[in-house]
Amino acid sequence: MKKLFTGFTLVFFLASCANQSTPEQSLYDALGQYEGITKITHQLILNIAKDERVKHRYKGVNMSKFKKGMSDYVCAVADGPCKYTGDNMKLVHAGHNYTNTEFNAIVDDLILAMEQLDIPVTTQNRLLAKLAPTYKDVVYH
């Protein structure tokens, strides 16, 4: 009887351990911290440069400044240690009259960048969920 009880206890213990959720890795860490975020931003810029739907929007843009600003913004949105000190998204995009198609193209380019860097889909989705609320500050109806 003692062996049966010990076996049952072990099974119960293992089952309860399996059901305990481990703390989820922070989004900042899952993205590779600031270095990983900078790589994503760099790849995003390369993807935008090839994207006929939006590349014209970036003519004359200081891409070094864009890369730093975008990296800092994503870092802050991902709850990293960064402080985004640029203008708010509404001000940055004011007067540009971005369309839904252009917004979606940039999202496509970002997803492609993350895929190219082997960012897991669950991490991609976590970042996209954090960025989604900016839609209203970018596309005006």
N, C-alpha and C. Protein backbone atom coordinates (compact mmCIF):
# COMPACT_ATOMS: atom_id res chain seq x y z
N MET A 1 0.82 -1.19 0.00
CA MET A 1 0.00 0.00 0.00
C MET A 1 0.87 1.25 0.00
N LYS A 2 2.00 1.19 0.72
CA LYS A 2 2.87 2.35 0.81
C LYS A 2 3.42 2.72 -0.57
N LYS A 3 3.81 1.71 -1.40
CA LYS A 3 4.33 1.97 -2.73
C LYS A 3 3.27 2.63 -3.59
N LEU A 4 2.02 2.18 -3.49
CA LEU A 4 0.93 2.77 -4.26
C LEU A 4 0.74 4.23 -3.86
N PHE A 5 0.77 4.50 -2.56
CA PHE A 5 0.61 5.87 -2.07
C PHE A 5 1.75 6.76 -2.56
N THR A 6 2.98 6.26 -2.49
CA THR A 6 4.14 7.01 -2.94
C THR A 6 4.04 7.28 -4.44
N GLY A 7 3.62 6.27 -5.22
CA GLY A 7 3.46 6.44 -6.66
C GLY A 7 2.40 7.47 -6.97
N PHE A 8 1.27 7.40 -6.25
CA PHE A 8 0.20 8.38 -6.44
C PHE A 8 0.67 9.78 -6.08
N THR A 9 1.41 9.90 -5.00
CA THR A 9 1.93 11.19 -4.57
C THR A 9 2.86 11.77 -5.62
N LEU A 10 3.72 10.92 -6.17
CA LEU A 10 4.65 11.37 -7.20
C LEU A 10 3.90 11.84 -8.45
N VAL A 11 2.91 11.07 -8.89
CA VAL A 11 2.11 11.45 -10.07
C VAL A 11 1.39 12.77 -9.80
N PHE A 12 0.78 12.89 -8.62
CA PHE A 12 0.07 14.11 -8.26
C PHE A 12 1.02 15.31 -8.24
N PHE A 13 2.19 15.11 -7.66
CA PHE A 13 3.19 16.18 -7.59
C PHE A 13 3.63 16.62 -8.98
N LEU A 14 3.94 15.65 -9.85
CA LEU A 14 4.37 15.98 -11.21
C LEU A 14 3.26 16.66 -11.99
N ALA A 15 2.03 16.22 -11.81
CA ALA A 15 0.91 16.84 -12.51
C ALA A 15 0.72 18.28 -12.04
N SER A 16 0.84 18.51 -10.75
CA SER A 16 0.66 19.87 -10.25
C SER A 16 1.79 20.77 -10.71
N CYS A 17 2.98 20.23 -10.82
CA CYS A 17 4.11 21.03 -11.34
C CYS A 17 3.89 21.38 -12.81
N ALA A 18 3.37 20.44 -13.56
CA ALA A 18 3.15 20.67 -14.99
C ALA A 18 2.09 21.73 -15.21
N ASN A 19 1.14 21.84 -14.29
CA ASN A 19 0.07 22.81 -14.44
C ASN A 19 0.46 24.21 -13.97
N GLN A 20 1.56 24.32 -13.26
CA GLN A 20 2.00 25.64 -12.82
C GLN A 20 2.59 26.38 -14.01
N SER A 21 2.13 27.58 -14.20
CA SER A 21 2.67 28.33 -15.34
C SER A 21 3.95 29.03 -14.92
N THR A 22 4.91 28.97 -15.80
CA THR A 22 6.15 29.67 -15.53
C THR A 22 5.95 31.11 -15.95
N PRO A 23 6.61 32.03 -15.30
CA PRO A 23 6.43 33.42 -15.67
C PRO A 23 6.86 33.64 -17.12
N GLU A 24 6.04 34.37 -17.84
CA GLU A 24 6.34 34.64 -19.25
C GLU A 24 7.52 35.60 -19.34
N GLN A 25 8.39 35.33 -20.29
CA GLN A 25 9.54 36.20 -20.53
C GLN A 25 9.02 37.58 -20.92
N SER A 26 9.67 38.62 -20.44
CA SER A 26 9.22 39.96 -20.80
C SER A 26 9.32 40.15 -22.31
N LEU A 27 8.48 40.98 -22.85
CA LEU A 27 8.51 41.24 -24.28
C LEU A 27 9.85 41.83 -24.68
N TYR A 28 10.38 42.72 -23.86
CA TYR A 28 11.69 43.32 -24.12
C TYR A 28 12.77 42.24 -24.26
N ASP A 29 12.78 41.29 -23.34
CA ASP A 29 13.75 40.19 -23.40
C ASP A 29 13.48 39.28 -24.59
N ALA A 30 12.21 38.99 -24.86
CA ALA A 30 11.85 38.10 -25.96
C ALA A 30 12.26 38.69 -27.32
N LEU A 31 12.30 40.01 -27.40
CA LEU A 31 12.72 40.68 -28.64
C LEU A 31 14.24 40.77 -28.76
N GLY A 32 14.95 40.35 -27.74
CA GLY A 32 16.41 40.39 -27.78
C GLY A 32 16.98 41.66 -27.17
N GLN A 33 16.20 42.27 -26.30
CA GLN A 33 16.57 43.52 -25.63
C GLN A 33 16.85 44.60 -26.68
N TYR A 34 17.61 45.63 -26.31
CA TYR A 34 17.77 46.75 -27.23
C TYR A 34 18.50 46.34 -28.51
N GLU A 35 19.46 45.46 -28.38
CA GLU A 35 20.20 45.00 -29.57
C GLU A 35 19.26 44.30 -30.55
N GLY A 36 18.40 43.45 -30.05
CA GLY A 36 17.44 42.75 -30.91
C GLY A 36 16.44 43.70 -31.53
N ILE A 37 15.98 44.67 -30.75
CA ILE A 37 15.02 45.66 -31.26
C ILE A 37 15.66 46.49 -32.36
N THR A 38 16.92 46.86 -32.18
CA THR A 38 17.63 47.63 -33.20
C THR A 38 17.79 46.80 -34.49
N LYS A 39 18.02 45.51 -34.35
CA LYS A 39 18.12 44.64 -35.53
C LYS A 39 16.78 44.58 -36.26
N ILE A 40 15.70 44.47 -35.50
CA ILE A 40 14.36 44.46 -36.11
C ILE A 40 14.12 45.76 -36.85
N THR A 41 14.44 46.88 -36.22
CA THR A 41 14.23 48.18 -36.85
C THR A 41 15.08 48.32 -38.11
N HIS A 42 16.31 47.86 -38.06
CA HIS A 42 17.18 47.91 -39.23
C HIS A 42 16.59 47.09 -40.38
N GLN A 43 16.12 45.89 -40.06
CA GLN A 43 15.52 45.04 -41.10
C GLN A 43 14.23 45.66 -41.61
N LEU A 44 13.46 46.29 -40.73
CA LEU A 44 12.25 46.99 -41.15
C LEU A 44 12.59 48.06 -42.19
N ILE A 45 13.63 48.83 -41.93
CA ILE A 45 14.05 49.88 -42.87
C ILE A 45 14.43 49.28 -44.22
N LEU A 46 15.16 48.17 -44.19
CA LEU A 46 15.52 47.51 -45.45
C LEU A 46 14.28 47.03 -46.20
N ASN A 47 13.30 46.52 -45.46
CA ASN A 47 12.07 46.05 -46.08
C ASN A 47 11.25 47.20 -46.66
N ILE A 48 11.19 48.30 -45.93
CA ILE A 48 10.46 49.48 -46.42
C ILE A 48 11.10 49.99 -47.71
N ALA A 49 12.43 49.99 -47.75
CA ALA A 49 13.15 50.50 -48.93
C ALA A 49 12.82 49.72 -50.20
N LYS A 50 12.38 48.47 -50.04
CA LYS A 50 12.03 47.62 -51.19
C LYS A 50 10.53 47.60 -51.45
N ASP A 51 9.75 48.19 -50.58
CA ASP A 51 8.30 48.08 -50.65
C ASP A 51 7.71 49.22 -51.47
N GLU A 52 7.27 48.90 -52.68
CA GLU A 52 6.72 49.90 -53.59
C GLU A 52 5.51 50.63 -53.01
N ARG A 53 4.83 50.01 -52.08
CA ARG A 53 3.63 50.62 -51.50
C ARG A 53 3.95 51.81 -50.62
N VAL A 54 5.16 51.83 -50.02
CA VAL A 54 5.45 52.88 -49.03
C VAL A 54 6.82 53.53 -49.14
N LYS A 55 7.71 53.00 -49.94
CA LYS A 55 9.08 53.53 -49.92
C LYS A 55 9.13 55.01 -50.28
N HIS A 56 8.21 55.48 -51.09
CA HIS A 56 8.17 56.91 -51.45
C HIS A 56 7.92 57.80 -50.23
N ARG A 57 7.29 57.27 -49.21
CA ARG A 57 7.00 58.04 -48.00
C ARG A 57 8.27 58.36 -47.20
N TYR A 58 9.35 57.67 -47.48
CA TYR A 58 10.57 57.83 -46.69
C TYR A 58 11.67 58.59 -47.42
N LYS A 59 11.36 59.10 -48.59
CA LYS A 59 12.34 59.92 -49.31
C LYS A 59 12.63 61.18 -48.48
N GLY A 60 13.90 61.45 -48.28
CA GLY A 60 14.29 62.64 -47.52
C GLY A 60 14.25 62.48 -46.01
N VAL A 61 13.83 61.31 -45.53
CA VAL A 61 13.78 61.07 -44.08
C VAL A 61 15.19 60.72 -43.59
N ASN A 62 15.57 61.31 -42.48
CA ASN A 62 16.84 60.97 -41.85
C ASN A 62 16.68 59.58 -41.23
N MET A 63 17.20 58.57 -41.93
CA MET A 63 16.96 57.19 -41.51
C MET A 63 17.70 56.83 -40.22
N SER A 64 18.82 57.47 -39.95
CA SER A 64 19.51 57.22 -38.67
C SER A 64 18.63 57.69 -37.52
N LYS A 65 18.03 58.85 -37.69
CA LYS A 65 17.14 59.39 -36.66
C LYS A 65 15.89 58.51 -36.54
N PHE A 66 15.35 58.07 -37.68
CA PHE A 66 14.19 57.18 -37.68
C PHE A 66 14.52 55.88 -36.94
N LYS A 67 15.68 55.30 -37.26
CA LYS A 67 16.07 54.03 -36.65
C LYS A 67 16.19 54.17 -35.14
N LYS A 68 16.83 55.22 -34.68
CA LYS A 68 16.99 55.46 -33.24
C LYS A 68 15.63 55.69 -32.58
N GLY A 69 14.82 56.54 -33.20
CA GLY A 69 13.50 56.84 -32.64
C GLY A 69 12.60 55.63 -32.60
N MET A 70 12.59 54.86 -33.68
CA MET A 70 11.74 53.66 -33.74
C MET A 70 12.23 52.62 -32.73
N SER A 71 13.54 52.44 -32.64
CA SER A 71 14.09 51.48 -31.68
C SER A 71 13.75 51.89 -30.25
N ASP A 72 13.90 53.16 -29.94
CA ASP A 72 13.57 53.64 -28.59
C ASP A 72 12.08 53.48 -28.30
N TYR A 73 11.25 53.77 -29.31
CA TYR A 73 9.80 53.66 -29.14
C TYR A 73 9.41 52.20 -28.87
N VAL A 74 9.92 51.29 -29.69
CA VAL A 74 9.60 49.87 -29.50
C VAL A 74 10.12 49.39 -28.15
N CYS A 75 11.31 49.81 -27.79
CA CYS A 75 11.88 49.44 -26.49
C CYS A 75 10.96 49.89 -25.36
N ALA A 76 10.48 51.12 -25.42
CA ALA A 76 9.59 51.64 -24.38
C ALA A 76 8.25 50.90 -24.38
N VAL A 77 7.70 50.67 -25.56
CA VAL A 77 6.42 49.96 -25.67
C VAL A 77 6.54 48.53 -25.16
N ALA A 78 7.72 47.93 -25.34
CA ALA A 78 7.96 46.55 -24.89
C ALA A 78 8.35 46.50 -23.41
N ASP A 79 8.16 47.61 -22.71
CA ASP A 79 8.47 47.70 -21.28
C ASP A 79 9.94 47.50 -20.97
N GLY A 80 10.79 47.94 -21.92
CA GLY A 80 12.22 47.93 -21.69
C GLY A 80 12.63 49.16 -20.89
N PRO A 81 13.91 49.32 -20.65
CA PRO A 81 14.40 50.43 -19.83
C PRO A 81 14.50 51.76 -20.58
N CYS A 82 14.12 51.78 -21.84
CA CYS A 82 14.28 52.98 -22.66
C CYS A 82 13.20 54.02 -22.36
N LYS A 83 13.57 55.24 -22.57
CA LYS A 83 12.63 56.35 -22.51
C LYS A 83 12.52 56.90 -23.93
N TYR A 84 11.32 56.85 -24.48
CA TYR A 84 11.11 57.45 -25.80
C TYR A 84 10.93 58.94 -25.59
N THR A 85 11.81 59.72 -26.21
CA THR A 85 11.78 61.17 -26.01
C THR A 85 11.33 61.92 -27.25
N GLY A 86 10.96 61.18 -28.29
CA GLY A 86 10.48 61.82 -29.51
C GLY A 86 9.07 62.36 -29.34
N ASP A 87 8.59 62.98 -30.40
CA ASP A 87 7.22 63.49 -30.40
C ASP A 87 6.24 62.33 -30.32
N ASN A 88 5.02 62.63 -29.85
CA ASN A 88 4.02 61.57 -29.80
C ASN A 88 3.62 61.17 -31.21
N MET A 89 3.05 59.99 -31.34
CA MET A 89 2.75 59.42 -32.66
C MET A 89 1.79 60.28 -33.48
N LYS A 90 0.86 60.91 -32.80
CA LYS A 90 -0.11 61.76 -33.51
C LYS A 90 0.61 62.94 -34.16
N LEU A 91 1.52 63.56 -33.44
CA LEU A 91 2.27 64.70 -33.96
C LEU A 91 3.24 64.27 -35.08
N VAL A 92 3.91 63.15 -34.90
CA VAL A 92 4.86 62.66 -35.89
C VAL A 92 4.17 62.41 -37.23
N HIS A 93 2.94 61.91 -37.19
CA HIS A 93 2.26 61.51 -38.42
C HIS A 93 1.25 62.54 -38.92
N ALA A 94 1.10 63.65 -38.20
CA ALA A 94 0.13 64.68 -38.58
C ALA A 94 0.42 65.23 -39.97
N GLY A 95 -0.63 65.38 -40.76
CA GLY A 95 -0.53 65.99 -42.07
C GLY A 95 -0.01 65.09 -43.17
N HIS A 96 0.35 63.86 -42.85
CA HIS A 96 0.89 62.96 -43.87
C HIS A 96 -0.20 62.20 -44.62
N ASN A 97 -1.39 62.17 -44.07
CA ASN A 97 -2.53 61.50 -44.71
C ASN A 97 -2.23 60.05 -45.09
N TYR A 98 -1.70 59.32 -44.16
CA TYR A 98 -1.42 57.91 -44.40
C TYR A 98 -2.74 57.16 -44.61
N THR A 99 -2.70 56.19 -45.49
CA THR A 99 -3.89 55.38 -45.77
C THR A 99 -3.83 54.08 -44.98
N ASN A 100 -4.97 53.41 -44.92
CA ASN A 100 -5.01 52.08 -44.30
C ASN A 100 -4.03 51.15 -45.00
N THR A 101 -3.98 51.23 -46.32
CA THR A 101 -3.10 50.38 -47.10
C THR A 101 -1.64 50.61 -46.74
N GLU A 102 -1.26 51.87 -46.57
CA GLU A 102 0.13 52.18 -46.20
C GLU A 102 0.43 51.70 -44.78
N PHE A 103 -0.50 51.90 -43.87
CA PHE A 103 -0.31 51.43 -42.50
C PHE A 103 -0.12 49.91 -42.51
N ASN A 104 -0.99 49.22 -43.23
CA ASN A 104 -0.90 47.76 -43.30
C ASN A 104 0.40 47.31 -43.97
N ALA A 105 0.88 48.08 -44.95
CA ALA A 105 2.15 47.75 -45.60
C ALA A 105 3.30 47.81 -44.61
N ILE A 106 3.31 48.83 -43.77
CA ILE A 106 4.37 48.95 -42.76
C ILE A 106 4.27 47.80 -41.76
N VAL A 107 3.05 47.45 -41.37
CA VAL A 107 2.88 46.30 -40.47
C VAL A 107 3.40 45.04 -41.15
N ASP A 108 3.06 44.86 -42.43
CA ASP A 108 3.58 43.71 -43.18
C ASP A 108 5.11 43.70 -43.18
N ASP A 109 5.70 44.87 -43.40
CA ASP A 109 7.17 44.98 -43.43
C ASP A 109 7.78 44.66 -42.07
N LEU A 110 7.09 45.07 -41.00
CA LEU A 110 7.56 44.76 -39.65
C LEU A 110 7.46 43.26 -39.38
N ILE A 111 6.35 42.66 -39.75
CA ILE A 111 6.19 41.21 -39.55
C ILE A 111 7.27 40.47 -40.34
N LEU A 112 7.50 40.88 -41.57
CA LEU A 112 8.54 40.26 -42.39
C LEU A 112 9.90 40.39 -41.72
N ALA A 113 10.19 41.57 -41.19
CA ALA A 113 11.48 41.79 -40.50
C ALA A 113 11.63 40.82 -39.34
N MET A 114 10.57 40.66 -38.56
CA MET A 114 10.65 39.75 -37.42
C MET A 114 10.78 38.31 -37.88
N GLU A 115 10.10 37.94 -38.96
CA GLU A 115 10.24 36.59 -39.50
C GLU A 115 11.68 36.36 -39.99
N GLN A 116 12.24 37.36 -40.67
CA GLN A 116 13.60 37.25 -41.19
C GLN A 116 14.61 37.07 -40.07
N LEU A 117 14.28 37.56 -38.89
CA LEU A 117 15.17 37.46 -37.73
C LEU A 117 14.76 36.33 -36.78
N ASP A 118 13.86 35.48 -37.23
CA ASP A 118 13.42 34.30 -36.47
C ASP A 118 12.80 34.64 -35.12
N ILE A 119 12.06 35.74 -35.07
CA ILE A 119 11.32 36.09 -33.85
C ILE A 119 10.09 35.18 -33.82
N PRO A 120 9.86 34.47 -32.73
CA PRO A 120 8.69 33.58 -32.66
C PRO A 120 7.37 34.33 -32.88
N VAL A 121 6.42 33.66 -33.50
CA VAL A 121 5.14 34.28 -33.82
C VAL A 121 4.44 34.81 -32.56
N THR A 122 4.55 34.09 -31.45
CA THR A 122 3.89 34.56 -30.23
C THR A 122 4.51 35.89 -29.78
N THR A 123 5.81 36.04 -29.93
CA THR A 123 6.47 37.30 -29.58
C THR A 123 6.07 38.39 -30.57
N GLN A 124 6.00 38.05 -31.84
CA GLN A 124 5.54 39.01 -32.85
C GLN A 124 4.15 39.53 -32.48
N ASN A 125 3.27 38.62 -32.13
CA ASN A 125 1.90 39.00 -31.79
C ASN A 125 1.84 39.87 -30.54
N ARG A 126 2.70 39.59 -29.58
CA ARG A 126 2.74 40.42 -28.37
C ARG A 126 3.15 41.85 -28.72
N LEU A 127 4.16 41.99 -29.59
CA LEU A 127 4.59 43.34 -29.98
C LEU A 127 3.50 44.03 -30.80
N LEU A 128 2.93 43.33 -31.75
CA LEU A 128 1.89 43.93 -32.59
C LEU A 128 0.70 44.40 -31.75
N ALA A 129 0.35 43.63 -30.72
CA ALA A 129 -0.74 44.03 -29.84
C ALA A 129 -0.41 45.33 -29.10
N LYS A 130 0.86 45.50 -28.75
CA LYS A 130 1.27 46.73 -28.06
C LYS A 130 1.28 47.93 -29.03
N LEU A 131 1.60 47.67 -30.29
CA LEU A 131 1.69 48.75 -31.29
C LEU A 131 0.34 49.09 -31.91
N ALA A 132 -0.60 48.17 -31.89
CA ALA A 132 -1.89 48.36 -32.56
C ALA A 132 -2.62 49.64 -32.16
N PRO A 133 -2.62 50.04 -30.90
CA PRO A 133 -3.33 51.26 -30.54
C PRO A 133 -2.82 52.54 -31.25
N THR A 134 -1.61 52.49 -31.81
CA THR A 134 -1.10 53.69 -32.49
C THR A 134 -1.78 53.92 -33.84
N TYR A 135 -2.53 52.94 -34.31
CA TYR A 135 -3.23 53.09 -35.59
C TYR A 135 -4.00 54.41 -35.64
N LYS A 136 -4.74 54.71 -34.58
CA LYS A 136 -5.58 55.91 -34.56
C LYS A 136 -4.75 57.20 -34.61
N ASP A 137 -3.48 57.12 -34.27
CA ASP A 137 -2.60 58.29 -34.31
C ASP A 137 -1.83 58.41 -35.63
N VAL A 138 -1.95 57.39 -36.46
CA VAL A 138 -1.21 57.39 -37.73
C VAL A 138 -2.16 57.61 -38.90
N VAL A 139 -3.28 56.90 -38.93
CA VAL A 139 -4.23 56.98 -40.03
C VAL A 139 -5.42 57.81 -39.57
N TYR A 140 -5.67 58.87 -40.30
CA TYR A 140 -6.80 59.74 -39.97
C TYR A 140 -7.92 59.49 -40.98
N HIS A 141 -9.13 59.44 -40.50
CA HIS A 141 -10.29 59.21 -41.40
C HIS A 141 -11.03 60.50 -41.59
